[in-house]
Amino acid sequence: AALRDNYRCDDRYRSTVIMQRHGFGRGEYRYFR
């Protein structure tokens, strides 16, 4: 739950990928910085 809650903390991530824009599927993911 702590990790899920921190998904919204923008300053922890270097980039966000919207999967359907790249043909990866559907959904999104965020890389930590």
PDB file of all heavy atoms in Angstrom:
ATOM      1  N   ALA A   1       0.832  -1.212   0.000  1.00  0.00           N
ATOM      2  CA  ALA A   1       0.000   0.000   0.000  1.00  0.00           C
ATOM      3  C   ALA A   1       0.864   1.258   0.000  1.00  0.00           C
ATOM      4  O   ALA A   1       0.542   2.247  -0.672  1.00  0.00           O
ATOM      5  CB  ALA A   1      -0.931  -0.006   1.215  1.00  0.00           C
ATOM      6  N   ALA A   2       1.980   1.237   0.740  1.00  0.00           N
ATOM      7  CA  ALA A   2       2.876   2.391   0.764  1.00  0.00           C
ATOM      8  C   ALA A   2       3.450   2.670  -0.613  1.00  0.00           C
ATOM      9  O   ALA A   2       3.555   3.830  -1.049  1.00  0.00           O
ATOM     10  CB  ALA A   2       3.999   2.160   1.775  1.00  0.00           C
ATOM     11  N   LEU A   3       3.808   1.630  -1.335  1.00  0.00           N
ATOM     12  CA  LEU A   3       4.348   1.801  -2.684  1.00  0.00           C
ATOM     13  C   LEU A   3       3.271   2.284  -3.652  1.00  0.00           C
ATOM     14  O   LEU A   3       3.536   3.141  -4.511  1.00  0.00           O
ATOM     15  CB  LEU A   3       4.966   0.493  -3.166  1.00  0.00           C
ATOM     16  CG  LEU A   3       6.278   0.106  -2.478  1.00  0.00           C
ATOM     17  CD1 LEU A   3       6.603  -1.360  -2.695  1.00  0.00           C
ATOM     18  CD2 LEU A   3       7.419   0.981  -2.977  1.00  0.00           C
ATOM     19  N   ARG A   4       2.064   1.741  -3.553  1.00  0.00           N
ATOM     20  CA  ARG A   4       0.964   2.221  -4.407  1.00  0.00           C
ATOM     21  C   ARG A   4       0.696   3.694  -4.165  1.00  0.00           C
ATOM     22  O   ARG A   4       0.513   4.474  -5.110  1.00  0.00           O
ATOM     23  CB  ARG A   4      -0.318   1.419  -4.150  1.00  0.00           C
ATOM     24  CG  ARG A   4      -0.259  -0.038  -4.538  1.00  0.00           C
ATOM     25  CD  ARG A   4      -1.659  -0.641  -4.633  1.00  0.00           C
ATOM     26  NE  ARG A   4      -2.461  -0.412  -3.434  1.00  0.00           N
ATOM     27  CZ  ARG A   4      -2.540  -1.248  -2.406  1.00  0.00           C
ATOM     28  NH1 ARG A   4      -1.820  -2.375  -2.412  1.00  0.00           N
ATOM     29  NH2 ARG A   4      -3.313  -0.977  -1.381  1.00  0.00           N
ATOM     30  N   ASP A   5       0.660   4.104  -2.896  1.00  0.00           N
ATOM     31  CA  ASP A   5       0.360   5.496  -2.562  1.00  0.00           C
ATOM     32  C   ASP A   5       1.403   6.444  -3.131  1.00  0.00           C
ATOM     33  O   ASP A   5       1.099   7.576  -3.508  1.00  0.00           O
ATOM     34  CB  ASP A   5       0.267   5.671  -1.047  1.00  0.00           C
ATOM     35  CG  ASP A   5      -0.957   5.009  -0.444  1.00  0.00           C
ATOM     36  OD1 ASP A   5      -1.883   4.665  -1.212  1.00  0.00           O
ATOM     37  OD2 ASP A   5      -0.985   4.819   0.787  1.00  0.00           O
ATOM     38  N   ASN A   6       2.659   6.000  -3.196  1.00  0.00           N
ATOM     39  CA  ASN A   6       3.723   6.871  -3.683  1.00  0.00           C
ATOM     40  C   ASN A   6       3.762   6.981  -5.201  1.00  0.00           C
ATOM     41  O   ASN A   6       4.581   7.729  -5.736  1.00  0.00           O
ATOM     42  CB  ASN A   6       5.072   6.364  -3.157  1.00  0.00           C
ATOM     43  CG  ASN A   6       5.371   6.892  -1.768  1.00  0.00           C
ATOM     44  OD1 ASN A   6       5.972   7.937  -1.604  1.00  0.00           O
ATOM     45  ND2 ASN A   6       4.930   6.159  -0.749  1.00  0.00           N
ATOM     46  N   TYR A   7       2.878   6.253  -5.892  1.00  0.00           N
ATOM     47  CA  TYR A   7       2.825   6.370  -7.348  1.00  0.00           C
ATOM     48  C   TYR A   7       2.478   7.798  -7.773  1.00  0.00           C
ATOM     49  O   TYR A   7       2.860   8.239  -8.856  1.00  0.00           O
ATOM     50  CB  TYR A   7       1.797   5.387  -7.906  1.00  0.00           C
ATOM     51  CG  TYR A   7       1.812   5.291  -9.418  1.00  0.00           C
ATOM     52  CD1 TYR A   7       2.761   4.518 -10.062  1.00  0.00           C
ATOM     53  CD2 TYR A   7       0.867   5.973 -10.187  1.00  0.00           C
ATOM     54  CE1 TYR A   7       2.784   4.422 -11.446  1.00  0.00           C
ATOM     55  CE2 TYR A   7       0.883   5.878 -11.570  1.00  0.00           C
ATOM     56  CZ  TYR A   7       1.846   5.102 -12.195  1.00  0.00           C
ATOM     57  OH  TYR A   7       1.861   5.022 -13.563  1.00  0.00           O
ATOM     58  N   ARG A   8       1.777   8.508  -6.934  1.00  0.00           N
ATOM     59  CA  ARG A   8       1.340   9.873  -7.276  1.00  0.00           C
ATOM     60  C   ARG A   8       2.394  10.938  -6.968  1.00  0.00           C
ATOM     61  O   ARG A   8       2.176  12.114  -7.269  1.00  0.00           O
ATOM     62  CB  ARG A   8       0.053  10.201  -6.530  1.00  0.00           C
ATOM     63  CG  ARG A   8      -1.128   9.314  -6.913  1.00  0.00           C
ATOM     64  CD  ARG A   8      -2.407   9.775  -6.227  1.00  0.00           C
ATOM     65  NE  ARG A   8      -2.325   9.565  -4.785  1.00  0.00           N
ATOM     66  CZ  ARG A   8      -2.695   8.429  -4.180  1.00  0.00           C
ATOM     67  NH1 ARG A   8      -3.134   7.409  -4.889  1.00  0.00           N
ATOM     68  NH2 ARG A   8      -2.603   8.323  -2.867  1.00  0.00           N
ATOM     69  N   CYS A   9       3.513  10.562  -6.367  1.00  0.00           N
ATOM     70  CA  CYS A   9       4.546  11.537  -5.992  1.00  0.00           C
ATOM     71  C   CYS A   9       5.465  11.788  -7.187  1.00  0.00           C
ATOM     72  O   CYS A   9       6.438  11.057  -7.417  1.00  0.00           O
ATOM     73  CB  CYS A   9       5.335  11.019  -4.799  1.00  0.00           C
ATOM     74  SG  CYS A   9       4.343  10.766  -3.315  1.00  0.00           S
ATOM     75  N   ASP A  10       5.164  12.846  -7.941  1.00  0.00           N
ATOM     76  CA  ASP A  10       5.859  13.089  -9.206  1.00  0.00           C
ATOM     77  C   ASP A  10       7.370  13.238  -9.048  1.00  0.00           C
ATOM     78  O   ASP A  10       8.135  12.870  -9.948  1.00  0.00           O
ATOM     79  CB  ASP A  10       5.304  14.351  -9.872  1.00  0.00           C
ATOM     80  CG  ASP A  10       3.866  14.180 -10.335  1.00  0.00           C
ATOM     81  OD1 ASP A  10       3.407  13.024 -10.433  1.00  0.00           O
ATOM     82  OD2 ASP A  10       3.192  15.202 -10.572  1.00  0.00           O
ATOM     83  N   ASP A  11       7.819  13.795  -7.919  1.00  0.00           N
ATOM     84  CA  ASP A  11       9.244  14.079  -7.783  1.00  0.00           C
ATOM     85  C   ASP A  11      10.093  12.825  -7.627  1.00  0.00           C
ATOM     86  O   ASP A  11      11.319  12.899  -7.692  1.00  0.00           O
ATOM     87  CB  ASP A  11       9.484  15.021  -6.602  1.00  0.00           C
ATOM     88  CG  ASP A  11       9.025  14.433  -5.268  1.00  0.00           C
ATOM     89  OD1 ASP A  11       8.183  13.513  -5.274  1.00  0.00           O
ATOM     90  OD2 ASP A  11       9.517  14.902  -4.225  1.00  0.00           O
ATOM     91  N   ARG A  12       9.483  11.664  -7.473  1.00  0.00           N
ATOM     92  CA  ARG A  12      10.239  10.425  -7.308  1.00  0.00           C
ATOM     93  C   ARG A  12      10.577   9.763  -8.646  1.00  0.00           C
ATOM     94  O   ARG A  12      11.359   8.814  -8.684  1.00  0.00           O
ATOM     95  CB  ARG A  12       9.464   9.429  -6.445  1.00  0.00           C
ATOM     96  CG  ARG A  12       9.300   9.893  -5.008  1.00  0.00           C
ATOM     97  CD  ARG A  12       8.801   8.774  -4.124  1.00  0.00           C
ATOM     98  NE  ARG A  12       8.702   9.220  -2.742  1.00  0.00           N
ATOM     99  CZ  ARG A  12       9.700   9.224  -1.876  1.00  0.00           C
ATOM    100  NH1 ARG A  12      10.895   8.814  -2.283  1.00  0.00           N
ATOM    101  NH2 ARG A  12       9.534   9.635  -0.642  1.00  0.00           N
ATOM    102  N   TYR A  13       9.997  10.264  -9.746  1.00  0.00           N
ATOM    103  CA  TYR A  13      10.096   9.557 -11.031  1.00  0.00           C
ATOM    104  C   TYR A  13      10.764  10.429 -12.085  1.00  0.00           C
ATOM    105  O   TYR A  13      10.589  11.640 -12.131  1.00  0.00           O
ATOM    106  CB  TYR A  13       8.706   9.140 -11.493  1.00  0.00           C
ATOM    107  CG  TYR A  13       7.995   8.261 -10.480  1.00  0.00           C
ATOM    108  CD1 TYR A  13       7.085   8.810  -9.575  1.00  0.00           C
ATOM    109  CD2 TYR A  13       8.258   6.900 -10.398  1.00  0.00           C
ATOM    110  CE1 TYR A  13       6.459   8.019  -8.627  1.00  0.00           C
ATOM    111  CE2 TYR A  13       7.630   6.106  -9.459  1.00  0.00           C
ATOM    112  CZ  TYR A  13       6.734   6.670  -8.573  1.00  0.00           C
ATOM    113  OH  TYR A  13       6.119   5.886  -7.633  1.00  0.00           O
ATOM    114  N   ARG A  14      11.507   9.764 -12.977  1.00  0.00           N
ATOM    115  CA  ARG A  14      12.189  10.487 -14.048  1.00  0.00           C
ATOM    116  C   ARG A  14      11.340  10.589 -15.301  1.00  0.00           C
ATOM    117  O   ARG A  14      11.541  11.491 -16.119  1.00  0.00           O
ATOM    118  CB  ARG A  14      13.525   9.827 -14.384  1.00  0.00           C
ATOM    119  CG  ARG A  14      13.456   8.415 -14.966  1.00  0.00           C
ATOM    120  CD  ARG A  14      14.826   7.943 -15.434  1.00  0.00           C
ATOM    121  NE  ARG A  14      14.853   6.557 -15.881  1.00  0.00           N
ATOM    122  CZ  ARG A  14      14.528   6.149 -17.100  1.00  0.00           C
ATOM    123  NH1 ARG A  14      14.113   7.027 -18.002  1.00  0.00           N
ATOM    124  NH2 ARG A  14      14.585   4.869 -17.435  1.00  0.00           N
ATOM    125  N   SER A  15      10.389   9.643 -15.497  1.00  0.00           N
ATOM    126  CA  SER A  15       9.543   9.698 -16.685  1.00  0.00           C
ATOM    127  C   SER A  15       8.321   8.821 -16.481  1.00  0.00           C
ATOM    128  O   SER A  15       8.314   7.901 -15.661  1.00  0.00           O
ATOM    129  CB  SER A  15      10.304   9.237 -17.938  1.00  0.00           C
ATOM    130  OG  SER A  15      10.651   7.874 -17.853  1.00  0.00           O
ATOM    131  N   THR A  16       7.270   9.137 -17.263  1.00  0.00           N
ATOM    132  CA  THR A  16       6.035   8.354 -17.274  1.00  0.00           C
ATOM    133  C   THR A  16       5.775   7.912 -18.707  1.00  0.00           C
ATOM    134  O   THR A  16       5.868   8.718 -19.639  1.00  0.00           O
ATOM    135  CB  THR A  16       4.846   9.187 -16.763  1.00  0.00           C
ATOM    136  OG1 THR A  16       5.115   9.615 -15.419  1.00  0.00           O
ATOM    137  CG2 THR A  16       3.555   8.371 -16.782  1.00  0.00           C
ATOM    138  N   VAL A  17       5.456   6.645 -18.892  1.00  0.00           N
ATOM    139  CA  VAL A  17       5.222   6.078 -20.222  1.00  0.00           C
ATOM    140  C   VAL A  17       3.761   5.667 -20.327  1.00  0.00           C
ATOM    141  O   VAL A  17       3.267   4.879 -19.514  1.00  0.00           O
ATOM    142  CB  VAL A  17       6.130   4.867 -20.489  1.00  0.00           C
ATOM    143  CG1 VAL A  17       5.806   4.243 -21.840  1.00  0.00           C
ATOM    144  CG2 VAL A  17       7.595   5.278 -20.429  1.00  0.00           C
ATOM    145  N   ILE A  18       3.057   6.229 -21.333  1.00  0.00           N
ATOM    146  CA  ILE A  18       1.697   5.811 -21.661  1.00  0.00           C
ATOM    147  C   ILE A  18       1.820   4.710 -22.709  1.00  0.00           C
ATOM    148  O   ILE A  18       2.222   4.958 -23.849  1.00  0.00           O
ATOM    149  CB  ILE A  18       0.858   6.984 -22.194  1.00  0.00           C
ATOM    150  CG1 ILE A  18       0.925   8.172 -21.216  1.00  0.00           C
ATOM    151  CG2 ILE A  18      -0.590   6.543 -22.419  1.00  0.00           C
ATOM    152  CD1 ILE A  18       0.432   7.873 -19.823  1.00  0.00           C
ATOM    153  N   MET A  19       1.472   3.503 -22.338  1.00  0.00           N
ATOM    154  CA  MET A  19       1.840   2.336 -23.131  1.00  0.00           C
ATOM    155  C   MET A  19       1.221   2.327 -24.521  1.00  0.00           C
ATOM    156  O   MET A  19       1.868   1.946 -25.503  1.00  0.00           O
ATOM    157  CB  MET A  19       1.479   1.062 -22.364  1.00  0.00           C
ATOM    158  CG  MET A  19       2.310   0.886 -21.108  1.00  0.00           C
ATOM    159  SD  MET A  19       1.682  -0.383 -19.974  1.00  0.00           S
ATOM    160  CE  MET A  19       1.799  -1.832 -21.010  1.00  0.00           C
ATOM    161  N   GLN A  20      -0.039   2.756 -24.659  1.00  0.00           N
ATOM    162  CA  GLN A  20      -0.688   2.678 -25.963  1.00  0.00           C
ATOM    163  C   GLN A  20      -0.069   3.623 -26.990  1.00  0.00           C
ATOM    164  O   GLN A  20      -0.214   3.415 -28.194  1.00  0.00           O
ATOM    165  CB  GLN A  20      -2.201   2.910 -25.850  1.00  0.00           C
ATOM    166  CG  GLN A  20      -2.624   4.146 -25.107  1.00  0.00           C
ATOM    167  CD  GLN A  20      -2.925   3.850 -23.646  1.00  0.00           C
ATOM    168  OE1 GLN A  20      -2.155   3.199 -22.956  1.00  0.00           O
ATOM    169  NE2 GLN A  20      -4.062   4.339 -23.173  1.00  0.00           N
ATOM    170  N   ARG A  21       0.637   4.649 -26.552  1.00  0.00           N
ATOM    171  CA  ARG A  21       1.289   5.571 -27.487  1.00  0.00           C
ATOM    172  C   ARG A  21       2.440   4.898 -28.227  1.00  0.00           C
ATOM    173  O   ARG A  21       2.861   5.361 -29.288  1.00  0.00           O
ATOM    174  CB  ARG A  21       1.813   6.793 -26.741  1.00  0.00           C
ATOM    175  CG  ARG A  21       0.723   7.694 -26.150  1.00  0.00           C
ATOM    176  CD  ARG A  21       1.340   8.853 -25.410  1.00  0.00           C
ATOM    177  NE  ARG A  21       0.326   9.713 -24.792  1.00  0.00           N
ATOM    178  CZ  ARG A  21       0.596  10.725 -23.973  1.00  0.00           C
ATOM    179  NH1 ARG A  21       1.871  11.002 -23.691  1.00  0.00           N
ATOM    180  NH2 ARG A  21      -0.382  11.446 -23.453  1.00  0.00           N
ATOM    181  N   HIS A  22       2.970   3.822 -27.659  1.00  0.00           N
ATOM    182  CA  HIS A  22       4.145   3.169 -28.231  1.00  0.00           C
ATOM    183  C   HIS A  22       3.847   1.750 -28.716  1.00  0.00           C
ATOM    184  O   HIS A  22       4.777   1.045 -29.128  1.00  0.00           O
ATOM    185  CB  HIS A  22       5.258   3.122 -27.180  1.00  0.00           C
ATOM    186  CG  HIS A  22       5.598   4.460 -26.593  1.00  0.00           C
ATOM    187  ND1 HIS A  22       6.450   5.350 -27.200  1.00  0.00           N
ATOM    188  CD2 HIS A  22       5.170   5.071 -25.457  1.00  0.00           C
ATOM    189  CE1 HIS A  22       6.563   6.442 -26.466  1.00  0.00           C
ATOM    190  NE2 HIS A  22       5.795   6.302 -25.404  1.00  0.00           N
ATOM    191  N   GLY A  23       2.591   1.341 -28.650  1.00  0.00           N
ATOM    192  CA  GLY A  23       2.237  -0.004 -29.061  1.00  0.00           C
ATOM    193  C   GLY A  23       2.635  -1.070 -28.060  1.00  0.00           C
ATOM    194  O   GLY A  23       2.749  -2.254 -28.418  1.00  0.00           O
ATOM    195  N   PHE A  24       2.839  -0.674 -26.797  1.00  0.00           N
ATOM    196  CA  PHE A  24       3.268  -1.618 -25.768  1.00  0.00           C
ATOM    197  C   PHE A  24       2.092  -2.357 -25.128  1.00  0.00           C
ATOM    198  O   PHE A  24       2.307  -3.310 -24.380  1.00  0.00           O
ATOM    199  CB  PHE A  24       4.044  -0.894 -24.654  1.00  0.00           C
ATOM    200  CG  PHE A  24       5.331  -0.256 -25.102  1.00  0.00           C
ATOM    201  CD1 PHE A  24       5.926   0.727 -24.320  1.00  0.00           C
ATOM    202  CD2 PHE A  24       5.953  -0.630 -26.283  1.00  0.00           C
ATOM    203  CE1 PHE A  24       7.124   1.320 -24.715  1.00  0.00           C
ATOM    204  CE2 PHE A  24       7.146  -0.035 -26.685  1.00  0.00           C
ATOM    205  CZ  PHE A  24       7.718   0.949 -25.898  1.00  0.00           C
ATOM    206  N   GLY A  25       0.886  -1.878 -25.365  1.00  0.00           N
ATOM    207  CA  GLY A  25      -0.296  -2.404 -24.699  1.00  0.00           C
ATOM    208  C   GLY A  25      -1.182  -1.253 -24.280  1.00  0.00           C
ATOM    209  O   GLY A  25      -1.315  -0.258 -25.009  1.00  0.00           O
ATOM    210  N   ARG A  26      -1.777  -1.357 -23.089  1.00  0.00           N
ATOM    211  CA  ARG A  26      -2.559  -0.271 -22.502  1.00  0.00           C
ATOM    212  C   ARG A  26      -2.227  -0.188 -21.023  1.00  0.00           C
ATOM    213  O   ARG A  26      -2.074  -1.197 -20.350  1.00  0.00           O
ATOM    214  CB  ARG A  26      -4.065  -0.528 -22.669  1.00  0.00           C
ATOM    215  CG  ARG A  26      -4.616  -0.134 -24.026  1.00  0.00           C
ATOM    216  CD  ARG A  26      -6.130  -0.291 -24.050  1.00  0.00           C
ATOM    217  NE  ARG A  26      -6.773   0.419 -22.943  1.00  0.00           N
ATOM    218  CZ  ARG A  26      -8.095   0.424 -22.737  1.00  0.00           C
ATOM    219  NH1 ARG A  26      -8.895  -0.240 -23.561  1.00  0.00           N
ATOM    220  NH2 ARG A  26      -8.605   1.086 -21.725  1.00  0.00           N
ATOM    221  N   GLY A  27      -2.135   1.048 -20.523  1.00  0.00           N
ATOM    222  CA  GLY A  27      -1.746   1.277 -19.140  1.00  0.00           C
ATOM    223  C   GLY A  27      -0.613   2.277 -19.097  1.00  0.00           C
ATOM    224  O   GLY A  27      -0.314   2.942 -20.094  1.00  0.00           O
ATOM    225  N   GLU A  28       0.022   2.404 -17.951  1.00  0.00           N
ATOM    226  CA  GLU A  28       1.144   3.329 -17.839  1.00  0.00           C
ATOM    227  C   GLU A  28       2.137   2.820 -16.798  1.00  0.00           C
ATOM    228  O   GLU A  28       1.807   1.976 -15.958  1.00  0.00           O
ATOM    229  CB  GLU A  28       0.665   4.734 -17.467  1.00  0.00           C
ATOM    230  CG  GLU A  28       0.054   4.855 -16.082  1.00  0.00           C
ATOM    231  CD  GLU A  28      -0.396   6.271 -15.773  1.00  0.00           C
ATOM    232  OE1 GLU A  28      -0.861   6.965 -16.696  1.00  0.00           O
ATOM    233  OE2 GLU A  28      -0.273   6.672 -14.605  1.00  0.00           O
ATOM    234  N   TYR A  29       3.358   3.335 -16.900  1.00  0.00           N
ATOM    235  CA  TYR A  29       4.349   3.022 -15.878  1.00  0.00           C
ATOM    236  C   TYR A  29       5.281   4.204 -15.696  1.00  0.00           C
ATOM    237  O   TYR A  29       5.430   5.068 -16.575  1.00  0.00           O
ATOM    238  CB  TYR A  29       5.121   1.739 -16.190  1.00  0.00           C
ATOM    239  CG  TYR A  29       5.746   1.635 -17.572  1.00  0.00           C
ATOM    240  CD1 TYR A  29       7.022   2.132 -17.825  1.00  0.00           C
ATOM    241  CD2 TYR A  29       5.085   0.983 -18.607  1.00  0.00           C
ATOM    242  CE1 TYR A  29       7.607   1.994 -19.077  1.00  0.00           C
ATOM    243  CE2 TYR A  29       5.663   0.839 -19.852  1.00  0.00           C
ATOM    244  CZ  TYR A  29       6.924   1.341 -20.087  1.00  0.00           C
ATOM    245  OH  TYR A  29       7.506   1.215 -21.324  1.00  0.00           O
ATOM    246  N   ARG A  30       5.918   4.234 -14.522  1.00  0.00           N
ATOM    247  CA  ARG A  30       6.790   5.348 -14.143  1.00  0.00           C
ATOM    248  C   ARG A  30       8.129   4.801 -13.680  1.00  0.00           C
ATOM    249  O   ARG A  30       8.194   3.913 -12.826  1.00  0.00           O
ATOM    250  CB  ARG A  30       6.157   6.182 -13.031  1.00  0.00           C
ATOM    251  CG  ARG A  30       4.721   6.576 -13.272  1.00  0.00           C
ATOM    252  CD  ARG A  30       4.232   7.617 -12.287  1.00  0.00           C
ATOM    253  NE  ARG A  30       4.669   8.957 -12.701  1.00  0.00           N
ATOM    254  CZ  ARG A  30       4.386  10.081 -12.031  1.00  0.00           C
ATOM    255  NH1 ARG A  30       3.688  10.014 -10.904  1.00  0.00           N
ATOM    256  NH2 ARG A  30       4.802  11.243 -12.472  1.00  0.00           N
ATOM    257  N   TYR A  31       9.214   5.355 -14.244  1.00  0.00           N
ATOM    258  CA  TYR A  31      10.561   4.979 -13.846  1.00  0.00           C
ATOM    259  C   TYR A  31      11.024   5.876 -12.693  1.00  0.00           C
ATOM    260  O   TYR A  31      10.904   7.105 -12.769  1.00  0.00           O
ATOM    261  CB  TYR A  31      11.543   5.166 -15.001  1.00  0.00           C
ATOM    262  CG  TYR A  31      11.396   4.159 -16.115  1.00  0.00           C
ATOM    263  CD1 TYR A  31      10.825   4.518 -17.334  1.00  0.00           C
ATOM    264  CD2 TYR A  31      11.858   2.853 -15.965  1.00  0.00           C
ATOM    265  CE1 TYR A  31      10.710   3.603 -18.370  1.00  0.00           C
ATOM    266  CE2 TYR A  31      11.751   1.937 -17.002  1.00  0.00           C
ATOM    267  CZ  TYR A  31      11.176   2.317 -18.189  1.00  0.00           C
ATOM    268  OH  TYR A  31      11.063   1.409 -19.208  1.00  0.00           O
ATOM    269  N   PHE A  32      11.576   5.261 -11.648  1.00  0.00           N
ATOM    270  CA  PHE A  32      12.170   6.037 -10.565  1.00  0.00           C
ATOM    271  C   PHE A  32      13.392   6.798 -11.077  1.00  0.00           C
ATOM    272  O   PHE A  32      14.070   6.366 -12.007  1.00  0.00           O
ATOM    273  CB  PHE A  32      12.595   5.114  -9.419  1.00  0.00           C
ATOM    274  CG  PHE A  32      11.444   4.566  -8.617  1.00  0.00           C
ATOM    275  CD1 PHE A  32      10.926   3.311  -8.906  1.00  0.00           C
ATOM    276  CD2 PHE A  32      10.889   5.298  -7.587  1.00  0.00           C
ATOM    277  CE1 PHE A  32       9.869   2.797  -8.168  1.00  0.00           C
ATOM    278  CE2 PHE A  32       9.830   4.793  -6.853  1.00  0.00           C
ATOM    279  CZ  PHE A  32       9.317   3.550  -7.134  1.00  0.00           C
ATOM    280  N   ARG A  33      13.663   7.924 -10.437  1.00  0.00           N
ATOM    281  CA  ARG A  33      14.858   8.699 -10.753  1.00  0.00           C
ATOM    282  C   ARG A  33      15.958   8.396  -9.731  1.00  0.00           C
ATOM    283  O   ARG A  33      15.698   7.876  -8.648  1.00  0.00           O
ATOM    284  CB  ARG A  33      14.546  10.208 -10.759  1.00  0.00           C
ATOM    285  CG  ARG A  33      14.195  10.783  -9.386  1.00  0.00           C
ATOM    286  CD  ARG A  33      14.145  12.317  -9.403  1.00  0.00           C
ATOM    287  NE  ARG A  33      13.024  12.826 -10.185  1.00  0.00           N
ATOM    288  CZ  ARG A  33      13.168  13.460 -11.340  1.00  0.00           C
ATOM    289  NH1 ARG A  33      14.367  13.653 -11.837  1.00  0.00           N
ATOM    290  NH2 ARG A  33      12.115  13.917 -11.977  1.00  0.00           N
TER     291      ARG A  33
END
